[in-house]
């Protein structure tokens, strides 16, 4: 009796896995142009751009480079959730729409998240690898310098 129940549960699980393959989230593929305004304004070096592309833009821009396994549900749904959540917190593709105060704050958060080891997420680093200490330092130094223009603008407008 228990064998029949387990067999039925197995078939139902397999059927559910097949059916879920037909539900595909929309891809986040606006193209690399989506980050151009952010890069033009914050002026990252080629080294920083490489770090951002490898560790940040997939979840924090309107362009994601999807791995092959992103085509398989439920992983595709899980990745979609990560991307939507990441863009909701900080989306470099929306940089032009941010106020000066928000730009400064987002760069401040970037520094804090990297320093504390919260970004990139562990679930991202399982496949892509962690940031090296050198990459963390490079990213933090760039973000600190990029913040200066916004701090200056905020000070001038406060006078």
N, C-alpha and C. Protein backbone atom coordinates (compact mmCIF):
# COMPACT_ATOMS: atom_id res chain seq x y z
N UNK A 1 0.82 -1.20 0.00
CA UNK A 1 0.00 0.00 0.00
C UNK A 1 0.87 1.27 0.00
N UNK A 2 1.89 1.29 0.85
CA UNK A 2 2.76 2.45 0.93
C UNK A 2 3.53 2.62 -0.38
N UNK A 3 3.93 1.52 -1.01
CA UNK A 3 4.63 1.59 -2.30
C UNK A 3 3.76 2.26 -3.35
N UNK A 4 2.47 1.95 -3.37
CA UNK A 4 1.55 2.54 -4.34
C UNK A 4 1.41 4.04 -4.11
N UNK A 5 1.33 4.43 -2.84
CA UNK A 5 1.21 5.85 -2.50
C UNK A 5 2.46 6.60 -2.91
N UNK A 6 3.63 6.05 -2.61
CA UNK A 6 4.89 6.69 -2.98
C UNK A 6 5.04 6.78 -4.50
N UNK A 7 4.62 5.74 -5.19
CA UNK A 7 4.68 5.73 -6.64
C UNK A 7 3.76 6.82 -7.22
N UNK A 8 2.57 6.95 -6.67
CA UNK A 8 1.62 7.97 -7.11
C UNK A 8 2.17 9.37 -6.84
N UNK A 9 2.77 9.55 -5.69
CA UNK A 9 3.37 10.85 -5.35
C UNK A 9 4.52 11.15 -6.32
N UNK A 10 5.31 10.16 -6.64
CA UNK A 10 6.40 10.32 -7.60
C UNK A 10 5.90 10.74 -8.97
N UNK A 11 4.84 10.09 -9.45
CA UNK A 11 4.27 10.46 -10.75
C UNK A 11 3.69 11.87 -10.73
N UNK A 12 3.04 12.23 -9.63
CA UNK A 12 2.49 13.59 -9.51
C UNK A 12 3.60 14.64 -9.50
N UNK A 13 4.68 14.33 -8.79
CA UNK A 13 5.82 15.26 -8.74
C UNK A 13 6.44 15.42 -10.13
N UNK A 14 6.59 14.31 -10.84
CA UNK A 14 7.13 14.36 -12.19
C UNK A 14 6.21 15.16 -13.12
N UNK A 15 4.92 14.93 -13.01
CA UNK A 15 3.95 15.68 -13.82
C UNK A 15 4.02 17.17 -13.49
N UNK A 16 4.11 17.50 -12.22
CA UNK A 16 4.22 18.91 -11.81
C UNK A 16 5.49 19.54 -12.37
N UNK A 17 6.60 18.80 -12.35
CA UNK A 17 7.85 19.30 -12.89
C UNK A 17 7.75 19.55 -14.39
N UNK A 18 7.07 18.69 -15.11
CA UNK A 18 6.88 18.87 -16.55
C UNK A 18 5.97 20.08 -16.81
N UNK A 19 4.88 20.17 -16.09
CA UNK A 19 3.91 21.26 -16.30
C UNK A 19 4.54 22.61 -16.00
N UNK A 20 5.33 22.70 -14.95
CA UNK A 20 5.92 23.99 -14.56
C UNK A 20 6.90 24.51 -15.60
N UNK A 21 7.41 23.63 -16.47
CA UNK A 21 8.32 24.07 -17.53
C UNK A 21 7.64 25.01 -18.52
N UNK A 22 6.32 24.98 -18.59
CA UNK A 22 5.59 25.84 -19.52
C UNK A 22 5.33 27.24 -18.97
N UNK A 23 5.68 27.48 -17.72
CA UNK A 23 5.51 28.79 -17.10
C UNK A 23 6.87 29.46 -17.01
N UNK A 24 7.11 30.37 -17.92
CA UNK A 24 8.42 31.02 -18.03
C UNK A 24 8.33 32.48 -17.61
N UNK A 25 9.22 32.90 -16.74
CA UNK A 25 9.25 34.33 -16.40
C UNK A 25 9.83 35.13 -17.56
N UNK A 26 9.48 36.40 -17.62
CA UNK A 26 10.01 37.28 -18.66
C UNK A 26 11.50 37.49 -18.42
N UNK A 27 12.27 37.47 -19.48
CA UNK A 27 13.72 37.65 -19.37
C UNK A 27 14.06 39.13 -19.15
N UNK A 28 15.12 39.36 -18.43
CA UNK A 28 15.63 40.69 -18.11
C UNK A 28 16.81 40.96 -19.04
N UNK A 29 16.52 41.28 -20.31
CA UNK A 29 17.58 41.41 -21.30
C UNK A 29 17.46 42.70 -22.11
N UNK A 30 17.57 43.82 -21.45
CA UNK A 30 17.47 45.11 -22.13
C UNK A 30 18.73 45.43 -22.92
N UNK A 31 19.81 44.74 -22.67
CA UNK A 31 21.07 45.01 -23.34
C UNK A 31 22.00 45.81 -22.46
N UNK A 32 23.27 45.74 -22.79
CA UNK A 32 24.29 46.41 -21.99
C UNK A 32 24.13 47.93 -21.99
N UNK A 33 23.46 48.47 -23.01
CA UNK A 33 23.25 49.92 -23.08
C UNK A 33 22.53 50.43 -21.83
N UNK A 34 21.81 49.54 -21.17
CA UNK A 34 21.02 49.91 -20.00
C UNK A 34 21.87 50.46 -18.86
N UNK A 35 23.17 50.19 -18.85
CA UNK A 35 24.03 50.65 -17.76
C UNK A 35 24.93 51.82 -18.17
N UNK A 36 24.84 52.26 -19.41
CA UNK A 36 25.74 53.28 -19.93
C UNK A 36 25.67 54.60 -19.15
N UNK A 37 24.47 55.05 -18.80
CA UNK A 37 24.34 56.32 -18.08
C UNK A 37 24.99 56.22 -16.71
N UNK A 38 24.80 55.09 -16.04
CA UNK A 38 25.42 54.86 -14.74
C UNK A 38 26.94 54.93 -14.85
N UNK A 39 27.48 54.24 -15.84
CA UNK A 39 28.93 54.21 -16.01
C UNK A 39 29.47 55.58 -16.43
N UNK A 40 28.73 56.28 -17.27
CA UNK A 40 29.18 57.61 -17.73
C UNK A 40 29.27 58.58 -16.56
N UNK A 41 28.32 58.47 -15.64
CA UNK A 41 28.29 59.41 -14.52
C UNK A 41 29.24 59.03 -13.39
N UNK A 42 29.38 57.74 -13.10
CA UNK A 42 30.20 57.30 -11.96
C UNK A 42 31.64 56.99 -12.37
N UNK A 43 31.91 56.93 -13.65
CA UNK A 43 33.25 56.77 -14.22
C UNK A 43 34.07 55.62 -13.62
N UNK A 44 33.55 54.39 -13.67
CA UNK A 44 34.35 53.26 -13.19
C UNK A 44 35.50 52.95 -14.17
N UNK A 45 36.61 52.49 -13.62
CA UNK A 45 37.72 52.06 -14.47
C UNK A 45 37.33 50.77 -15.18
N UNK A 46 38.14 50.34 -16.12
CA UNK A 46 37.86 49.08 -16.83
C UNK A 46 37.84 47.92 -15.83
N UNK A 47 38.70 47.97 -14.83
CA UNK A 47 38.74 46.92 -13.80
C UNK A 47 37.43 46.88 -13.00
N UNK A 48 36.93 48.05 -12.64
CA UNK A 48 35.67 48.12 -11.88
C UNK A 48 34.50 47.67 -12.75
N UNK A 49 34.49 48.07 -14.03
CA UNK A 49 33.43 47.63 -14.95
C UNK A 49 33.41 46.11 -15.01
N UNK A 50 34.58 45.49 -15.08
CA UNK A 50 34.65 44.03 -15.13
C UNK A 50 34.08 43.41 -13.85
N UNK A 51 34.36 44.01 -12.72
CA UNK A 51 33.82 43.51 -11.44
C UNK A 51 32.31 43.67 -11.42
N UNK A 52 31.82 44.83 -11.85
CA UNK A 52 30.37 45.08 -11.87
C UNK A 52 29.66 44.10 -12.81
N UNK A 53 30.23 43.88 -13.99
CA UNK A 53 29.63 42.95 -14.94
C UNK A 53 29.58 41.53 -14.38
N UNK A 54 30.65 41.13 -13.74
CA UNK A 54 30.75 39.75 -13.24
C UNK A 54 29.96 39.51 -11.97
N UNK A 55 29.69 40.57 -11.19
CA UNK A 55 29.12 40.36 -9.86
C UNK A 55 27.86 41.15 -9.52
N UNK A 56 27.54 42.18 -10.30
CA UNK A 56 26.46 43.07 -9.89
C UNK A 56 25.34 43.22 -10.92
N UNK A 57 25.71 43.42 -12.18
CA UNK A 57 24.73 43.78 -13.19
C UNK A 57 23.66 42.72 -13.43
N UNK A 58 23.96 41.45 -13.22
CA UNK A 58 22.95 40.42 -13.46
C UNK A 58 21.68 40.65 -12.64
N UNK A 59 21.83 41.12 -11.42
CA UNK A 59 20.66 41.33 -10.55
C UNK A 59 20.33 42.81 -10.34
N UNK A 60 21.25 43.71 -10.65
CA UNK A 60 21.04 45.12 -10.35
C UNK A 60 21.04 46.01 -11.59
N UNK A 61 20.58 45.46 -12.72
CA UNK A 61 20.41 46.25 -13.93
C UNK A 61 19.28 45.62 -14.75
N UNK A 62 18.98 46.24 -15.87
CA UNK A 62 17.95 45.69 -16.76
C UNK A 62 18.53 44.71 -17.77
N UNK A 63 19.72 44.21 -17.47
CA UNK A 63 20.33 43.21 -18.34
C UNK A 63 20.97 42.10 -17.51
N UNK A 64 20.50 40.88 -17.73
CA UNK A 64 21.02 39.71 -17.04
C UNK A 64 21.59 38.74 -18.08
N UNK A 65 22.79 38.25 -17.81
CA UNK A 65 23.36 37.17 -18.61
C UNK A 65 22.93 35.87 -17.95
N UNK A 66 22.02 35.18 -18.60
CA UNK A 66 21.44 33.97 -18.01
C UNK A 66 22.29 32.74 -18.28
N UNK A 67 22.53 31.93 -17.24
CA UNK A 67 23.22 30.65 -17.45
C UNK A 67 22.24 29.63 -18.05
N UNK A 68 22.74 28.53 -18.55
CA UNK A 68 21.89 27.52 -19.19
C UNK A 68 20.79 27.01 -18.26
N UNK A 69 21.10 26.87 -16.99
CA UNK A 69 20.13 26.30 -16.06
C UNK A 69 18.98 27.25 -15.75
N UNK A 70 19.05 28.49 -16.24
CA UNK A 70 17.95 29.43 -16.06
C UNK A 70 16.75 29.06 -16.93
N UNK A 71 16.92 28.09 -17.79
CA UNK A 71 15.83 27.62 -18.65
C UNK A 71 15.01 26.52 -17.99
N UNK A 72 15.45 26.06 -16.83
CA UNK A 72 14.80 24.93 -16.17
C UNK A 72 14.04 25.41 -14.94
N UNK A 73 12.73 25.19 -14.93
CA UNK A 73 11.93 25.52 -13.75
C UNK A 73 12.11 24.40 -12.74
N UNK A 74 12.12 24.67 -11.48
CA UNK A 74 11.80 25.92 -10.79
C UNK A 74 12.98 26.88 -10.64
N UNK A 75 14.17 26.51 -11.13
CA UNK A 75 15.33 27.40 -11.02
C UNK A 75 15.06 28.72 -11.72
N UNK A 76 14.41 28.69 -12.88
CA UNK A 76 14.12 29.92 -13.62
C UNK A 76 13.26 30.87 -12.79
N UNK A 77 12.32 30.32 -12.04
CA UNK A 77 11.45 31.14 -11.19
C UNK A 77 12.24 31.72 -10.01
N UNK A 78 13.13 30.92 -9.45
CA UNK A 78 13.97 31.36 -8.34
C UNK A 78 14.89 32.49 -8.78
N UNK A 79 15.53 32.33 -9.97
CA UNK A 79 16.41 33.38 -10.49
C UNK A 79 15.63 34.66 -10.80
N UNK A 80 14.45 34.51 -11.36
CA UNK A 80 13.61 35.66 -11.65
C UNK A 80 13.29 36.44 -10.37
N UNK A 81 13.02 35.73 -9.30
CA UNK A 81 12.75 36.37 -8.01
C UNK A 81 13.98 37.14 -7.53
N UNK A 82 15.16 36.54 -7.66
CA UNK A 82 16.40 37.22 -7.26
C UNK A 82 16.60 38.50 -8.07
N UNK A 83 16.41 38.42 -9.37
CA UNK A 83 16.62 39.58 -10.23
C UNK A 83 15.62 40.68 -9.90
N UNK A 84 14.36 40.33 -9.76
CA UNK A 84 13.34 41.35 -9.43
C UNK A 84 13.63 41.99 -8.08
N UNK A 85 14.03 41.19 -7.10
CA UNK A 85 14.35 41.72 -5.77
C UNK A 85 15.59 42.64 -5.85
N UNK A 86 16.62 42.19 -6.57
CA UNK A 86 17.84 42.99 -6.70
C UNK A 86 17.57 44.33 -7.37
N UNK A 87 16.80 44.31 -8.46
CA UNK A 87 16.47 45.54 -9.16
C UNK A 87 15.59 46.44 -8.31
N UNK A 88 14.78 45.85 -7.45
CA UNK A 88 13.94 46.65 -6.57
C UNK A 88 14.76 47.42 -5.54
N UNK A 89 15.87 46.84 -5.12
CA UNK A 89 16.74 47.50 -4.14
C UNK A 89 17.65 48.53 -4.79
N UNK A 90 18.20 48.19 -5.96
CA UNK A 90 19.19 49.05 -6.60
C UNK A 90 19.28 48.64 -8.07
N UNK A 91 18.90 49.54 -8.96
CA UNK A 91 18.90 49.24 -10.38
C UNK A 91 19.72 50.31 -11.10
N UNK A 92 20.94 49.94 -11.52
CA UNK A 92 21.80 50.92 -12.19
C UNK A 92 21.21 51.40 -13.52
N UNK A 93 20.32 50.63 -14.10
CA UNK A 93 19.67 51.04 -15.34
C UNK A 93 18.69 52.19 -15.13
N UNK A 94 18.30 52.42 -13.89
CA UNK A 94 17.39 53.52 -13.55
C UNK A 94 18.14 54.71 -12.96
N UNK A 95 19.46 54.68 -13.04
CA UNK A 95 20.32 55.67 -12.38
C UNK A 95 19.91 57.10 -12.69
N UNK A 96 19.57 57.38 -13.94
CA UNK A 96 19.21 58.75 -14.34
C UNK A 96 17.95 59.25 -13.62
N UNK A 97 17.10 58.34 -13.20
CA UNK A 97 15.86 58.75 -12.53
C UNK A 97 16.05 58.98 -11.03
N UNK A 98 17.21 58.59 -10.49
CA UNK A 98 17.47 58.76 -9.06
C UNK A 98 17.84 60.21 -8.75
N UNK A 99 17.42 60.69 -7.61
CA UNK A 99 17.84 62.01 -7.16
C UNK A 99 19.30 61.94 -6.72
N UNK A 100 19.92 63.10 -6.54
CA UNK A 100 21.32 63.14 -6.09
C UNK A 100 21.43 62.46 -4.73
N UNK A 101 20.50 62.71 -3.86
CA UNK A 101 20.52 62.10 -2.53
C UNK A 101 20.42 60.57 -2.62
N UNK A 102 19.55 60.10 -3.50
CA UNK A 102 19.37 58.65 -3.65
C UNK A 102 20.62 58.01 -4.27
N UNK A 103 21.24 58.70 -5.23
CA UNK A 103 22.47 58.17 -5.83
C UNK A 103 23.55 58.02 -4.76
N UNK A 104 23.71 59.06 -3.96
CA UNK A 104 24.70 59.00 -2.87
C UNK A 104 24.38 57.85 -1.92
N UNK A 105 23.11 57.72 -1.57
CA UNK A 105 22.69 56.67 -0.64
C UNK A 105 22.91 55.27 -1.23
N UNK A 106 22.62 55.10 -2.51
CA UNK A 106 22.80 53.78 -3.14
C UNK A 106 24.27 53.39 -3.19
N UNK A 107 25.15 54.34 -3.46
CA UNK A 107 26.58 54.04 -3.44
C UNK A 107 27.06 53.76 -2.02
N UNK A 108 26.49 54.47 -1.06
CA UNK A 108 26.82 54.20 0.35
C UNK A 108 26.39 52.78 0.73
N UNK A 109 25.19 52.38 0.29
CA UNK A 109 24.72 51.01 0.56
C UNK A 109 25.60 49.98 -0.13
N UNK A 110 26.02 50.27 -1.37
CA UNK A 110 26.91 49.36 -2.08
C UNK A 110 28.17 49.12 -1.26
N UNK A 111 28.76 50.18 -0.77
CA UNK A 111 29.98 50.07 0.04
C UNK A 111 29.72 49.21 1.28
N UNK A 112 28.64 49.50 2.00
CA UNK A 112 28.31 48.74 3.22
C UNK A 112 28.08 47.27 2.91
N UNK A 113 27.31 46.97 1.86
CA UNK A 113 26.98 45.58 1.54
C UNK A 113 28.24 44.78 1.15
N UNK A 114 29.13 45.42 0.41
CA UNK A 114 30.37 44.74 0.01
C UNK A 114 31.29 44.57 1.22
N UNK A 115 31.43 45.61 2.02
CA UNK A 115 32.28 45.53 3.22
C UNK A 115 31.81 44.43 4.17
N UNK A 116 30.50 44.33 4.34
CA UNK A 116 29.94 43.35 5.28
C UNK A 116 29.81 41.96 4.68
N UNK A 117 30.14 41.82 3.39
CA UNK A 117 30.09 40.51 2.75
C UNK A 117 28.69 40.04 2.38
N UNK A 118 27.72 40.97 2.36
CA UNK A 118 26.34 40.61 2.01
C UNK A 118 26.12 40.57 0.51
N UNK A 119 27.00 41.24 -0.24
CA UNK A 119 26.88 41.26 -1.69
C UNK A 119 28.20 40.85 -2.28
N UNK A 120 28.18 40.08 -3.35
CA UNK A 120 27.01 39.42 -3.88
C UNK A 120 26.49 38.34 -2.93
N UNK A 121 25.21 37.98 -3.13
CA UNK A 121 24.58 36.97 -2.28
C UNK A 121 25.31 35.64 -2.35
N UNK A 122 25.26 34.90 -1.25
CA UNK A 122 25.88 33.58 -1.22
C UNK A 122 25.35 32.69 -2.34
N UNK A 123 24.04 32.76 -2.59
CA UNK A 123 23.45 31.92 -3.63
C UNK A 123 24.01 32.26 -5.01
N UNK A 124 24.47 33.48 -5.22
CA UNK A 124 25.09 33.88 -6.49
C UNK A 124 26.53 33.38 -6.53
N UNK A 125 27.22 33.48 -5.40
CA UNK A 125 28.64 33.11 -5.37
C UNK A 125 28.86 31.60 -5.43
N UNK A 126 27.83 30.80 -5.14
CA UNK A 126 27.98 29.34 -5.25
C UNK A 126 28.42 28.97 -6.66
N UNK A 127 27.88 29.65 -7.65
CA UNK A 127 28.18 29.35 -9.05
C UNK A 127 29.27 30.29 -9.59
N UNK A 128 29.17 31.57 -9.26
CA UNK A 128 30.04 32.58 -9.86
C UNK A 128 31.31 32.86 -9.08
N UNK A 129 31.40 32.40 -7.85
CA UNK A 129 32.57 32.67 -7.03
C UNK A 129 32.43 33.97 -6.26
N UNK A 130 33.18 34.06 -5.20
CA UNK A 130 33.14 35.25 -4.34
C UNK A 130 34.05 36.34 -4.87
N UNK A 131 33.80 37.55 -4.40
CA UNK A 131 34.71 38.65 -4.70
C UNK A 131 36.00 38.43 -3.95
N UNK A 132 37.12 38.65 -4.62
CA UNK A 132 38.40 38.58 -3.91
C UNK A 132 38.52 39.82 -3.02
N UNK A 133 39.41 39.77 -2.07
CA UNK A 133 39.63 40.94 -1.21
C UNK A 133 40.10 42.13 -2.04
N UNK A 134 40.90 41.86 -3.06
CA UNK A 134 41.38 42.93 -3.94
C UNK A 134 40.21 43.55 -4.71
N UNK A 135 39.30 42.71 -5.22
CA UNK A 135 38.12 43.22 -5.93
C UNK A 135 37.24 44.04 -5.00
N UNK A 136 37.06 43.57 -3.76
CA UNK A 136 36.27 44.33 -2.79
C UNK A 136 36.88 45.70 -2.57
N UNK A 137 38.18 45.74 -2.35
CA UNK A 137 38.87 47.01 -2.11
C UNK A 137 38.73 47.94 -3.31
N UNK A 138 38.93 47.40 -4.50
CA UNK A 138 38.81 48.19 -5.73
C UNK A 138 37.40 48.77 -5.87
N UNK A 139 36.40 47.95 -5.65
CA UNK A 139 35.01 48.38 -5.76
C UNK A 139 34.67 49.44 -4.72
N UNK A 140 35.10 49.25 -3.50
CA UNK A 140 34.83 50.20 -2.42
C UNK A 140 35.54 51.54 -2.68
N UNK A 141 36.78 51.48 -3.15
CA UNK A 141 37.50 52.73 -3.44
C UNK A 141 36.81 53.51 -4.55
N UNK A 142 36.39 52.80 -5.61
CA UNK A 142 35.69 53.47 -6.71
C UNK A 142 34.38 54.10 -6.22
N UNK A 143 33.58 53.35 -5.46
CA UNK A 143 32.29 53.86 -4.98
C UNK A 143 32.48 55.05 -4.05
N UNK A 144 33.51 55.00 -3.24
CA UNK A 144 33.81 56.12 -2.33
C UNK A 144 34.14 57.37 -3.13
N UNK A 145 34.96 57.23 -4.17
CA UNK A 145 35.29 58.37 -5.03
C UNK A 145 34.07 58.86 -5.80
N UNK A 146 33.27 57.93 -6.29
CA UNK A 146 32.06 58.30 -7.04
C UNK A 146 31.08 59.07 -6.17
N UNK A 147 31.05 58.74 -4.89
CA UNK A 147 30.14 59.43 -3.96
C UNK A 147 30.51 60.89 -3.77
N UNK A 148 31.76 61.22 -3.92
CA UNK A 148 32.21 62.60 -3.65
C UNK A 148 31.43 63.63 -4.44
N UNK A 149 31.14 63.35 -5.73
CA UNK A 149 30.40 64.31 -6.54
C UNK A 149 29.00 64.55 -5.99
N UNK A 150 28.39 63.51 -5.45
CA UNK A 150 27.03 63.65 -4.92
C UNK A 150 27.05 64.34 -3.55
N UNK A 151 28.03 64.03 -2.75
CA UNK A 151 28.17 64.72 -1.45
C UNK A 151 28.37 66.21 -1.67
N UNK A 152 29.21 66.56 -2.64
CA UNK A 152 29.45 67.97 -2.96
C UNK A 152 28.16 68.64 -3.42
N UNK A 153 27.44 68.00 -4.30
CA UNK A 153 26.17 68.57 -4.78
C UNK A 153 25.18 68.75 -3.64
N UNK A 154 25.13 67.80 -2.74
CA UNK A 154 24.21 67.89 -1.59
C UNK A 154 24.61 69.03 -0.66
N UNK A 155 25.92 69.21 -0.45
CA UNK A 155 26.40 70.30 0.41
C UNK A 155 26.07 71.65 -0.21
N UNK A 156 26.30 71.78 -1.50
CA UNK A 156 26.03 73.04 -2.20
C UNK A 156 24.53 73.37 -2.14
N UNK A 157 23.70 72.37 -2.36
CA UNK A 157 22.25 72.63 -2.34
C UNK A 157 21.72 72.89 -0.94
N UNK A 158 22.47 72.49 0.09
CA UNK A 158 22.03 72.71 1.47
C UNK A 158 22.33 74.13 1.94
N UNK A 159 23.21 74.81 1.22
CA UNK A 159 23.60 76.18 1.62
C UNK A 159 22.57 77.19 1.31
